[in-house]
């Protein structure tokens, strides 16, 4: 997978803010998977489980 371009990164950052503000954990994490070159796995941290 190639590195995301500036448009994709901007979409990612705006999506992260929107999901965070809406308390949308699933969407927040799904956005990481869209830009992670080799997939992504996460360990929940306190306050966001």
PDB file of N, CA and C in Angstrom:
ATOM      1  N   UNK A   1       0.846  -1.182   0.000  1.00  0.00           N
ATOM      2  CA  UNK A   1       0.000   0.000   0.000  1.00  0.00           C
ATOM      3  C   UNK A   1       0.886   1.238   0.000  1.00  0.00           C
ATOM      4  N   UNK A   2       0.520   2.210  -0.784  1.00  0.00           N
ATOM      5  CA  UNK A   2       1.279   3.452  -0.825  1.00  0.00           C
ATOM      6  C   UNK A   2       0.827   4.380   0.295  1.00  0.00           C
ATOM      7  N   UNK A   3       1.630   5.387   0.545  1.00  0.00           N
ATOM      8  CA  UNK A   3       1.272   6.377   1.560  1.00  0.00           C
ATOM      9  C   UNK A   3       0.073   7.193   1.100  1.00  0.00           C
ATOM     10  N   UNK A   4      -0.805   7.549   2.019  1.00  0.00           N
ATOM     11  CA  UNK A   4      -1.962   8.357   1.641  1.00  0.00           C
ATOM     12  C   UNK A   4      -1.528   9.751   1.172  1.00  0.00           C
ATOM     13  N   UNK A   5      -2.266  10.310   0.225  1.00  0.00           N
ATOM     14  CA  UNK A   5      -1.960  11.656  -0.239  1.00  0.00           C
ATOM     15  C   UNK A   5      -2.568  12.685   0.717  1.00  0.00           C
ATOM     16  N   UNK A   6      -2.341  13.954   0.443  1.00  0.00           N
ATOM     17  CA  UNK A   6      -2.797  15.008   1.353  1.00  0.00           C
ATOM     18  C   UNK A   6      -4.320  15.054   1.468  1.00  0.00           C
ATOM     19  N   UNK A   7      -5.034  14.732   0.406  1.00  0.00           N
ATOM     20  CA  UNK A   7      -6.498  14.717   0.456  1.00  0.00           C
ATOM     21  C   UNK A   7      -6.982  13.601   1.379  1.00  0.00           C
ATOM     22  N   UNK A   8      -6.386  12.427   1.257  1.00  0.00           N
ATOM     23  CA  UNK A   8      -6.762  11.300   2.113  1.00  0.00           C
ATOM     24  C   UNK A   8      -6.433  11.588   3.574  1.00  0.00           C
ATOM     25  N   UNK A   9      -5.300  12.223   3.824  1.00  0.00           N
ATOM     26  CA  UNK A   9      -4.927  12.554   5.202  1.00  0.00           C
ATOM     27  C   UNK A   9      -5.875  13.595   5.789  1.00  0.00           C
ATOM     28  N   UNK A  10      -6.253  14.572   4.997  1.00  0.00           N
ATOM     29  CA  UNK A  10      -7.205  15.584   5.461  1.00  0.00           C
ATOM     30  C   UNK A  10      -8.552  14.946   5.787  1.00  0.00           C
ATOM     31  N   UNK A  11      -9.018  14.045   4.928  1.00  0.00           N
ATOM     32  CA  UNK A  11     -10.274  13.315   5.153  1.00  0.00           C
ATOM     33  C   UNK A  11     -10.179  12.501   6.442  1.00  0.00           C
ATOM     34  N   UNK A  12      -9.035  11.847   6.638  1.00  0.00           N
ATOM     35  CA  UNK A  12      -8.802  11.062   7.847  1.00  0.00           C
ATOM     36  C   UNK A  12      -8.870  11.945   9.097  1.00  0.00           C
ATOM     37  N   UNK A  13      -8.173  13.062   9.080  1.00  0.00           N
ATOM     38  CA  UNK A  13      -8.137  13.940  10.252  1.00  0.00           C
ATOM     39  C   UNK A  13      -9.518  14.531  10.550  1.00  0.00           C
ATOM     40  N   UNK A  14     -10.224  14.964   9.533  1.00  0.00           N
ATOM     41  CA  UNK A  14     -11.566  15.509   9.754  1.00  0.00           C
ATOM     42  C   UNK A  14     -12.515  14.433  10.268  1.00  0.00           C
ATOM     43  N   UNK A  15     -12.372  13.227   9.742  1.00  0.00           N
ATOM     44  CA  UNK A  15     -13.191  12.121  10.209  1.00  0.00           C
ATOM     45  C   UNK A  15     -12.902  11.767  11.654  1.00  0.00           C
ATOM     46  N   UNK A  16     -11.635  11.819  12.037  1.00  0.00           N
ATOM     47  CA  UNK A  16     -11.257  11.531  13.419  1.00  0.00           C
ATOM     48  C   UNK A  16     -11.899  12.526  14.376  1.00  0.00           C
ATOM     49  N   UNK A  17     -11.834  13.795  14.018  1.00  0.00           N
ATOM     50  CA  UNK A  17     -12.433  14.827  14.868  1.00  0.00           C
ATOM     51  C   UNK A  17     -13.939  14.614  14.989  1.00  0.00           C
ATOM     52  N   UNK A  18     -14.598  14.356  13.864  1.00  0.00           N
ATOM     53  CA  UNK A  18     -16.045  14.152  13.880  1.00  0.00           C
ATOM     54  C   UNK A  18     -16.429  12.944  14.734  1.00  0.00           C
ATOM     55  N   UNK A  19     -15.712  11.847  14.567  1.00  0.00           N
ATOM     56  CA  UNK A  19     -16.015  10.635  15.347  1.00  0.00           C
ATOM     57  C   UNK A  19     -15.732  10.848  16.828  1.00  0.00           C
ATOM     58  N   UNK A  20     -14.624  11.504  17.141  1.00  0.00           N
ATOM     59  CA  UNK A  20     -14.280  11.756  18.536  1.00  0.00           C
ATOM     60  C   UNK A  20     -15.362  12.605  19.198  1.00  0.00           C
ATOM     61  N   UNK A  21     -15.767  13.670  18.521  1.00  0.00           N
ATOM     62  CA  UNK A  21     -16.772  14.565  19.092  1.00  0.00           C
ATOM     63  C   UNK A  21     -18.136  13.897  19.231  1.00  0.00           C
ATOM     64  N   UNK A  22     -18.432  12.919  18.375  1.00  0.00           N
ATOM     65  CA  UNK A  22     -19.699  12.201  18.432  1.00  0.00           C
ATOM     66  C   UNK A  22     -19.609  10.944  19.308  1.00  0.00           C
ATOM     67  N   UNK A  23     -18.438  10.738  19.947  1.00  0.00           N
ATOM     68  CA  UNK A  23     -18.211   9.541  20.763  1.00  0.00           C
ATOM     69  C   UNK A  23     -18.390   8.278  19.927  1.00  0.00           C
ATOM     70  N   UNK A  24     -17.988   8.351  18.663  1.00  0.00           N
ATOM     71  CA  UNK A  24     -18.143   7.238  17.734  1.00  0.00           C
ATOM     72  C   UNK A  24     -16.897   6.372  17.686  1.00  0.00           C
ATOM     73  N   UNK A  25     -16.762   5.495  18.667  1.00  0.00           N
ATOM     74  CA  UNK A  25     -15.575   4.642  18.769  1.00  0.00           C
ATOM     75  C   UNK A  25     -15.361   3.788  17.527  1.00  0.00           C
ATOM     76  N   UNK A  26     -16.416   3.150  17.032  1.00  0.00           N
ATOM     77  CA  UNK A  26     -16.271   2.258  15.878  1.00  0.00           C
ATOM     78  C   UNK A  26     -15.769   3.027  14.652  1.00  0.00           C
ATOM     79  N   UNK A  27     -16.341   4.185  14.395  1.00  0.00           N
ATOM     80  CA  UNK A  27     -15.909   4.989  13.259  1.00  0.00           C
ATOM     81  C   UNK A  27     -14.499   5.520  13.435  1.00  0.00           C
ATOM     82  N   UNK A  28     -14.176   5.920  14.656  1.00  0.00           N
ATOM     83  CA  UNK A  28     -12.835   6.430  14.978  1.00  0.00           C
ATOM     84  C   UNK A  28     -11.784   5.374  14.651  1.00  0.00           C
ATOM     85  N   UNK A  29     -12.019   4.148  15.106  1.00  0.00           N
ATOM     86  CA  UNK A  29     -11.064   3.076  14.873  1.00  0.00           C
ATOM     87  C   UNK A  29     -11.056   2.632  13.410  1.00  0.00           C
ATOM     88  N   UNK A  30     -12.215   2.627  12.774  1.00  0.00           N
ATOM     89  CA  UNK A  30     -12.304   2.225  11.367  1.00  0.00           C
ATOM     90  C   UNK A  30     -11.488   3.153  10.477  1.00  0.00           C
ATOM     91  N   UNK A  31     -11.445   4.431  10.812  1.00  0.00           N
ATOM     92  CA  UNK A  31     -10.668   5.372  10.010  1.00  0.00           C
ATOM     93  C   UNK A  31      -9.176   5.032  10.048  1.00  0.00           C
ATOM     94  N   UNK A  32      -8.674   4.590  11.187  1.00  0.00           N
ATOM     95  CA  UNK A  32      -7.269   4.177  11.250  1.00  0.00           C
ATOM     96  C   UNK A  32      -6.993   3.030  10.291  1.00  0.00           C
ATOM     97  N   UNK A  33      -7.935   2.105  10.223  1.00  0.00           N
ATOM     98  CA  UNK A  33      -7.736   0.942   9.347  1.00  0.00           C
ATOM     99  C   UNK A  33      -7.702   1.340   7.876  1.00  0.00           C
ATOM    100  N   UNK A  34      -8.331   2.457   7.531  1.00  0.00           N
ATOM    101  CA  UNK A  34      -8.328   2.900   6.133  1.00  0.00           C
ATOM    102  C   UNK A  34      -6.984   3.477   5.708  1.00  0.00           C
ATOM    103  N   UNK A  35      -6.173   3.932   6.659  1.00  0.00           N
ATOM    104  CA  UNK A  35      -4.880   4.528   6.309  1.00  0.00           C
ATOM    105  C   UNK A  35      -3.683   3.701   6.773  1.00  0.00           C
ATOM    106  N   UNK A  36      -3.927   2.629   7.536  1.00  0.00           N
ATOM    107  CA  UNK A  36      -2.837   1.794   8.029  1.00  0.00           C
ATOM    108  C   UNK A  36      -2.330   0.886   6.908  1.00  0.00           C
ATOM    109  N   UNK A  37      -1.065   0.971   6.621  1.00  0.00           N
ATOM    110  CA  UNK A  37      -0.467   0.220   5.517  1.00  0.00           C
ATOM    111  C   UNK A  37      -0.601  -1.295   5.699  1.00  0.00           C
ATOM    112  N   UNK A  38      -0.406  -1.791   6.904  1.00  0.00           N
ATOM    113  CA  UNK A  38      -0.435  -3.230   7.159  1.00  0.00           C
ATOM    114  C   UNK A  38      -1.565  -3.620   8.095  1.00  0.00           C
ATOM    115  N   UNK A  39      -2.644  -2.870   8.046  1.00  0.00           N
ATOM    116  CA  UNK A  39      -3.738  -3.126   8.965  1.00  0.00           C
ATOM    117  C   UNK A  39      -3.446  -2.477  10.302  1.00  0.00           C
ATOM    118  N   UNK A  40      -4.365  -2.574  11.197  1.00  0.00           N
ATOM    119  CA  UNK A  40      -4.198  -1.947  12.501  1.00  0.00           C
ATOM    120  C   UNK A  40      -4.927  -2.764  13.548  1.00  0.00           C
ATOM    121  N   UNK A  41      -4.334  -2.849  14.706  1.00  0.00           N
ATOM    122  CA  UNK A  41      -5.008  -3.447  15.844  1.00  0.00           C
ATOM    123  C   UNK A  41      -4.780  -2.524  17.031  1.00  0.00           C
ATOM    124  N   UNK A  42      -5.724  -2.506  17.953  1.00  0.00           N
ATOM    125  CA  UNK A  42      -5.682  -1.539  19.034  1.00  0.00           C
ATOM    126  C   UNK A  42      -6.009  -2.183  20.360  1.00  0.00           C
ATOM    127  N   UNK A  43      -5.409  -1.652  21.392  1.00  0.00           N
ATOM    128  CA  UNK A  43      -5.733  -2.013  22.755  1.00  0.00           C
ATOM    129  C   UNK A  43      -6.456  -0.800  23.336  1.00  0.00           C
ATOM    130  N   UNK A  44      -7.715  -0.970  23.790  1.00  0.00           N
ATOM    131  CA  UNK A  44      -8.454   0.170  24.330  1.00  0.00           C
ATOM    132  C   UNK A  44      -7.718   0.806  25.501  1.00  0.00           C
ATOM    133  N   UNK A  45      -7.770   2.096  25.587  1.00  0.00           N
ATOM    134  CA  UNK A  45      -7.171   2.780  26.714  1.00  0.00           C
ATOM    135  C   UNK A  45      -8.260   3.310  27.622  1.00  0.00           C
ATOM    136  N   UNK A  46      -7.897   3.597  28.830  1.00  0.00           N
ATOM    137  CA  UNK A  46      -8.856   4.011  29.836  1.00  0.00           C
ATOM    138  C   UNK A  46      -9.639   5.237  29.360  1.00  0.00           C
ATOM    139  N   UNK A  47     -10.942   5.182  29.513  1.00  0.00           N
ATOM    140  CA  UNK A  47     -11.800   6.276  29.136  1.00  0.00           C
ATOM    141  C   UNK A  47     -12.330   6.184  27.724  1.00  0.00           C
ATOM    142  N   UNK A  48     -11.842   5.199  26.945  1.00  0.00           N
ATOM    143  CA  UNK A  48     -12.307   5.071  25.571  1.00  0.00           C
ATOM    144  C   UNK A  48     -12.635   3.625  25.257  1.00  0.00           C
ATOM    145  N   UNK A  49     -12.958   2.880  26.288  1.00  0.00           N
ATOM    146  CA  UNK A  49     -13.281   1.464  26.092  1.00  0.00           C
ATOM    147  C   UNK A  49     -14.717   1.266  25.741  1.00  0.00           C
TER     148      UNK A  49
END
